[in-house]
Amino acid sequence: MSVEAREKRQPWILLSPALAAVTLLLLVPLLFIVVYSFWLRSAVGPDTQGFHPDNWQRALTDPFYRYILLNTLKIAAITTFFCALLGYPAAYFITRSQGNKLILLLLLMLPFWISYIIRTMSWINILGSSGALNTLLISTGITDSPIQMLYNEATVILGLVHFLLPFMVLNIYVSLDGIDTNLEDAATSLGATRWQAFTQVTLPLSLPGLAAGGLLCFVLGAGTYITPLILGGPRDAMFANLVLEAIITQLNWPMGSALSLLLLIVLGAVVAVYNRYLGMSQLTKGLG
């Protein structure tokens, strides 16, 4: 074999373990889900194999699924908005900190050391009828009886913001950290106020990081089922909860497969639009 041929094969040889892992752990299971989505659940015995579009037809035409999907996208969008609103000042503060930046980044990473489920359930001890907040309100005489704070859409959004805020902060921080601080000083030396220098120089340059954090928060928020399951009520189910219900409770794997693929297609379209206009490079920087 010639040297040129070996050089051409070398990148593929180096990539082969990663390609094999992606194929076996991602593409093959996804192919099984696609096949399952066209089967039919049988009341007795194994599922009916074949090519049956009934599950897809029901998922696309049933108003119930359409309502839950739109509600899921709405909750994810609201969560992303609050993550951006709270995350940008925090990321800006960390970026401009002198000497203790590493400590602040460590504190930002601490929530990842605790299970997501435990962090979500901690809100029950804070907002529950006998939780810390109600105990404080009753002991101070503000209210005579516990206030119902849990199991609604607001607590679902609160739990999602709690979960996703570090992702937003990290992406914005990476973007802000790459901006030369001398640009703001140059703007102020030309007569701009600090606010004008921020809104006209720093903010536009940091928008790719903000968009990357927004995409990450939106996709993760729309695909979660733990938070609405723990903090939400019957009316606050998200689309992933329907997948869980179909597969675990009803044992309807074909319908659950169709629903999961529908959610994957919708979120994939969001990622494709983001990649078309902004690219994925900023997102990989934030994740790195």
Protein backbone atom coordinates (compact mmCIF):
# COMPACT_ATOMS: atom_id res chain seq x y z
CA MET A 1 0.00 0.00 0.00
CA SER A 2 1.40 3.39 -0.97
CA VAL A 3 2.15 6.12 1.54
CA GLU A 4 -0.54 8.33 0.01
CA ALA A 5 -3.19 5.64 0.43
CA ARG A 6 -2.20 5.08 4.06
CA GLU A 7 -2.42 8.81 4.75
CA LYS A 8 -5.93 8.90 3.27
CA ARG A 9 -7.07 5.97 5.42
CA GLN A 10 -5.47 7.20 8.65
CA PRO A 11 -8.21 9.76 9.56
CA TRP A 12 -10.90 7.11 9.08
CA ILE A 13 -8.97 4.63 11.21
CA LEU A 14 -8.69 7.21 13.98
CA LEU A 15 -12.38 8.06 13.69
CA SER A 16 -13.56 4.45 13.55
CA PRO A 17 -14.07 3.99 17.35
CA ALA A 18 -16.14 7.19 17.57
CA LEU A 19 -18.11 6.33 14.42
CA ALA A 20 -18.78 2.82 15.73
CA ALA A 21 -20.00 4.22 19.06
CA VAL A 22 -22.29 6.75 17.35
CA THR A 23 -23.66 4.08 15.03
CA LEU A 24 -24.33 1.49 17.75
CA LEU A 25 -25.52 3.84 20.50
CA LEU A 26 -27.39 6.46 18.47
CA LEU A 27 -28.20 5.56 14.88
CA VAL A 28 -29.20 1.91 15.44
CA PRO A 29 -31.54 2.68 18.40
CA LEU A 30 -33.01 5.57 16.41
CA LEU A 31 -33.65 3.22 13.51
CA PHE A 32 -35.45 0.83 15.86
CA ILE A 33 -37.63 3.71 17.10
CA VAL A 34 -38.50 4.66 13.52
CA VAL A 35 -39.51 1.07 12.76
CA TYR A 36 -41.50 0.80 16.01
CA SER A 37 -43.43 3.99 15.20
CA PHE A 38 -45.12 2.23 12.26
CA TRP A 39 -46.21 -0.80 14.25
CA LEU A 40 -49.54 -1.08 16.04
CA ARG A 41 -50.15 -1.96 19.66
CA SER A 42 -52.11 -5.13 20.16
CA ALA A 43 -54.49 -5.53 23.08
CA VAL A 44 -53.45 -9.16 23.39
CA GLY A 45 -50.09 -10.56 22.40
CA PRO A 46 -47.18 -8.86 20.61
CA ASP A 47 -47.46 -5.63 18.65
CA THR A 48 -48.67 -5.82 15.06
CA GLN A 49 -45.70 -5.46 12.75
CA GLY A 50 -45.82 -3.76 9.39
CA PHE A 51 -46.14 -0.30 7.91
CA HIS A 52 -49.12 1.35 9.59
CA PRO A 53 -49.34 5.18 9.61
CA ASP A 54 -52.05 5.19 12.31
CA ASN A 55 -49.74 6.36 15.11
CA TRP A 56 -48.39 9.21 13.03
CA GLN A 57 -51.84 10.19 11.87
CA ARG A 58 -53.06 10.33 15.46
CA ALA A 59 -50.00 12.25 16.66
CA LEU A 60 -50.35 14.85 13.89
CA THR A 61 -54.11 15.30 13.88
CA ASP A 62 -55.19 14.84 17.50
CA PRO A 63 -55.80 18.31 19.05
CA PHE A 64 -54.65 17.00 22.44
CA TYR A 65 -51.14 16.23 21.21
CA ARG A 66 -50.99 19.51 19.31
CA TYR A 67 -51.98 21.44 22.44
CA ILE A 68 -49.37 19.68 24.61
CA LEU A 69 -46.68 20.25 21.97
CA LEU A 70 -47.46 23.97 21.72
CA ASN A 71 -47.61 24.24 25.50
CA THR A 72 -44.23 22.53 25.73
CA LEU A 73 -42.70 25.00 23.28
CA LYS A 74 -44.27 27.87 25.20
CA ILE A 75 -42.87 26.72 28.53
CA ALA A 76 -39.45 26.17 26.96
CA ALA A 77 -39.52 29.66 25.43
CA ILE A 78 -40.52 31.32 28.72
CA THR A 79 -37.82 29.35 30.55
CA THR A 80 -35.23 30.43 27.99
CA PHE A 81 -36.27 34.07 28.38
CA PHE A 82 -35.85 34.02 32.15
CA CYS A 83 -32.55 32.15 31.86
CA ALA A 84 -31.27 34.87 29.54
CA LEU A 85 -32.62 37.62 31.79
CA LEU A 86 -30.94 36.18 34.88
CA GLY A 87 -27.92 34.62 33.23
CA TYR A 88 -26.52 37.61 31.35
CA PRO A 89 -25.87 39.79 34.43
CA ALA A 90 -24.31 36.81 36.23
CA ALA A 91 -22.04 36.00 33.29
CA TYR A 92 -21.07 39.66 32.92
CA PHE A 93 -20.24 39.86 36.63
CA ILE A 94 -18.06 36.73 36.44
CA THR A 95 -16.27 38.01 33.34
CA ARG A 96 -15.45 41.38 34.91
CA SER A 97 -14.44 39.91 38.28
CA GLN A 98 -10.81 40.37 39.24
CA GLY A 99 -8.93 37.60 41.04
CA ASN A 100 -11.89 35.41 42.06
CA LYS A 101 -13.13 34.37 38.61
CA LEU A 102 -12.16 30.73 39.11
CA ILE A 103 -13.99 30.58 42.44
CA LEU A 104 -17.15 32.00 40.86
CA LEU A 105 -16.93 29.49 38.00
CA LEU A 106 -16.51 26.69 40.53
CA LEU A 107 -19.60 27.86 42.40
CA LEU A 108 -21.47 27.94 39.08
CA MET A 109 -20.49 24.33 38.42
CA LEU A 110 -21.45 23.07 41.89
CA PRO A 111 -25.11 22.33 40.99
CA PHE A 112 -23.91 19.78 38.42
CA TRP A 113 -22.43 17.73 41.26
CA ILE A 114 -25.91 17.11 42.65
CA SER A 115 -28.49 14.92 40.97
CA TYR A 116 -30.97 16.81 38.80
CA ILE A 117 -33.84 14.90 40.42
CA ILE A 118 -32.70 15.83 43.94
CA ARG A 119 -32.34 19.48 42.94
CA THR A 120 -35.84 19.46 41.50
CA MET A 121 -37.37 17.75 44.53
CA SER A 122 -35.71 20.30 46.84
CA TRP A 123 -38.34 22.82 45.70
CA ILE A 124 -41.00 20.71 47.45
CA ASN A 125 -39.23 21.40 50.76
CA ILE A 126 -39.15 25.10 49.91
CA LEU A 127 -42.57 25.73 48.36
CA GLY A 128 -44.64 22.90 49.87
CA SER A 129 -47.47 23.36 52.35
CA SER A 130 -45.06 22.60 55.19
CA GLY A 131 -42.03 23.95 53.36
CA ALA A 132 -39.60 26.64 54.40
CA LEU A 133 -41.40 29.52 52.68
CA ASN A 134 -44.85 28.72 54.05
CA THR A 135 -43.37 28.17 57.50
CA LEU A 136 -41.78 31.61 57.33
CA LEU A 137 -44.99 33.27 56.15
CA ILE A 138 -47.05 31.67 58.91
CA SER A 139 -44.50 32.35 61.66
CA THR A 140 -44.30 36.04 60.69
CA GLY A 141 -48.10 36.39 60.63
CA ILE A 142 -48.33 37.24 56.94
CA THR A 143 -50.75 34.37 56.39
CA ASP A 144 -52.76 32.08 58.66
CA SER A 145 -52.71 29.00 56.46
CA PRO A 146 -50.28 27.54 53.92
CA ILE A 147 -50.38 28.97 50.41
CA GLN A 148 -50.56 26.51 47.52
CA MET A 149 -47.42 27.23 45.52
CA LEU A 150 -46.65 23.88 43.95
CA TYR A 151 -48.06 21.86 41.06
CA ASN A 152 -48.66 24.61 38.53
CA GLU A 153 -47.00 26.00 35.43
CA ALA A 154 -45.11 28.67 37.37
CA THR A 155 -43.30 26.10 39.52
CA VAL A 156 -42.47 24.04 36.43
CA ILE A 157 -40.83 27.11 34.87
CA LEU A 158 -39.08 27.87 38.16
CA GLY A 159 -37.67 24.35 38.31
CA LEU A 160 -36.54 24.50 34.68
CA VAL A 161 -34.82 27.86 35.21
CA HIS A 162 -33.08 26.41 38.26
CA PHE A 163 -31.88 23.48 36.16
CA LEU A 164 -30.90 25.34 32.97
CA LEU A 165 -29.51 28.64 34.25
CA PRO A 166 -25.90 27.38 34.56
CA PHE A 167 -25.93 26.35 30.89
CA MET A 168 -26.97 29.86 29.90
CA VAL A 169 -24.38 31.52 32.14
CA LEU A 170 -21.56 29.34 30.81
CA ASN A 171 -22.36 30.07 27.16
CA ILE A 172 -22.65 33.81 27.72
CA TYR A 173 -19.49 33.80 29.83
CA VAL A 174 -17.50 32.14 27.04
CA SER A 175 -18.71 34.79 24.61
CA LEU A 176 -18.04 37.72 26.96
CA ASP A 177 -14.64 36.40 27.95
CA GLY A 178 -13.55 36.53 24.33
CA ILE A 179 -14.38 40.24 23.96
CA ASP A 180 -11.52 42.67 24.44
CA THR A 181 -12.39 44.96 27.37
CA ASN A 182 -10.45 47.74 25.67
CA LEU A 183 -13.32 48.07 23.21
CA GLU A 184 -15.58 49.48 25.94
CA ASP A 185 -12.78 51.84 27.06
CA ALA A 186 -12.32 52.99 23.47
CA ALA A 187 -16.03 53.67 23.16
CA THR A 188 -16.11 55.72 26.36
CA SER A 189 -13.04 57.67 25.27
CA LEU A 190 -14.97 58.66 22.15
CA GLY A 191 -17.77 60.14 24.23
CA ALA A 192 -20.07 57.16 24.83
CA THR A 193 -21.46 56.50 28.27
CA ARG A 194 -20.86 53.16 29.97
CA TRP A 195 -24.40 52.10 29.11
CA GLN A 196 -23.99 53.11 25.47
CA ALA A 197 -20.66 51.27 25.29
CA PHE A 198 -22.34 48.16 26.67
CA THR A 199 -25.44 48.25 24.44
CA GLN A 200 -23.61 49.20 21.25
CA VAL A 201 -20.34 47.28 21.66
CA THR A 202 -20.41 44.50 24.27
CA LEU A 203 -23.99 43.30 23.88
CA PRO A 204 -23.91 42.87 20.07
CA LEU A 205 -20.59 41.02 20.27
CA SER A 206 -21.95 38.66 22.95
CA LEU A 207 -25.16 37.80 21.11
CA PRO A 208 -23.73 34.55 19.64
CA GLY A 209 -23.15 33.26 23.17
CA LEU A 210 -26.61 34.39 24.23
CA ALA A 211 -28.13 32.62 21.22
CA ALA A 212 -26.15 29.44 21.93
CA GLY A 213 -27.30 29.44 25.54
CA GLY A 214 -30.84 30.10 24.41
CA LEU A 215 -30.78 27.15 22.02
CA LEU A 216 -29.37 24.84 24.68
CA CYS A 217 -31.92 25.93 27.29
CA PHE A 218 -34.81 25.70 24.82
CA VAL A 219 -33.95 22.20 23.59
CA LEU A 220 -33.22 20.80 27.05
CA GLY A 221 -36.30 22.49 28.51
CA ALA A 222 -38.62 21.18 25.79
CA GLY A 223 -37.27 17.65 26.11
CA THR A 224 -37.45 17.21 29.88
CA TYR A 225 -40.10 15.28 31.77
CA ILE A 226 -38.70 15.17 35.33
CA THR A 227 -39.54 18.76 36.25
CA PRO A 228 -43.21 18.74 35.17
CA LEU A 229 -43.59 15.28 36.67
CA ILE A 230 -42.38 16.46 40.10
CA LEU A 231 -43.43 20.12 40.23
CA GLY A 232 -46.34 20.26 37.80
CA GLY A 233 -49.97 19.32 38.02
CA PRO A 234 -52.15 17.26 35.66
CA ARG A 235 -52.57 20.27 33.35
CA ASP A 236 -48.84 21.02 33.20
CA ALA A 237 -47.66 17.88 31.39
CA MET A 238 -45.09 18.43 28.67
CA PHE A 239 -44.62 16.42 25.50
CA ALA A 240 -41.93 14.18 26.97
CA ASN A 241 -44.40 13.19 29.69
CA LEU A 242 -46.71 11.86 26.97
CA VAL A 243 -43.87 9.70 25.68
CA LEU A 244 -43.25 8.41 29.21
CA GLU A 245 -46.96 7.74 29.70
CA ALA A 246 -47.30 5.88 26.41
CA ILE A 247 -44.25 3.65 26.91
CA ILE A 248 -44.12 3.05 30.68
CA THR A 249 -47.77 3.21 31.73
CA GLN A 250 -49.68 2.12 28.62
CA LEU A 251 -46.88 -0.11 27.27
CA ASN A 252 -47.70 1.38 23.87
CA TRP A 253 -44.21 1.40 22.37
CA PRO A 254 -45.35 2.20 18.81
CA MET A 255 -47.26 5.32 19.88
CA GLY A 256 -44.47 6.38 22.23
CA SER A 257 -41.98 5.99 19.40
CA ALA A 258 -44.05 8.16 17.08
CA LEU A 259 -44.42 10.86 19.74
CA SER A 260 -40.71 10.85 20.57
CA LEU A 261 -39.81 11.16 16.89
CA LEU A 262 -42.28 14.01 16.47
CA LEU A 263 -40.62 15.90 19.31
CA LEU A 264 -37.21 15.08 17.85
CA ILE A 265 -38.24 16.48 14.46
CA VAL A 266 -39.59 19.71 15.95
CA LEU A 267 -36.51 20.32 18.09
CA GLY A 268 -34.27 19.26 15.20
CA ALA A 269 -35.92 21.92 13.06
CA VAL A 270 -35.13 24.53 15.72
CA VAL A 271 -31.49 23.41 15.79
CA ALA A 272 -31.34 23.45 11.97
CA VAL A 273 -32.62 27.04 11.85
CA TYR A 274 -30.05 28.04 14.47
CA ASN A 275 -27.26 26.32 12.56
CA ARG A 276 -28.38 27.95 9.30
CA TYR A 277 -28.08 31.49 10.61
CA LEU A 278 -25.57 31.30 13.50
CA GLY A 279 -23.68 28.03 13.19
CA MET A 280 -22.81 25.51 15.90
CA SER A 281 -19.30 26.75 16.69
CA GLN A 282 -20.39 29.02 19.56
CA LEU A 283 -22.45 26.23 21.10
CA THR A 284 -19.50 23.84 21.09
CA LYS A 285 -17.36 26.52 22.75
CA GLY A 286 -19.90 26.85 25.57
CA LEU A 287 -20.12 23.09 26.04
CA GLY A 288 -16.36 22.79 25.98
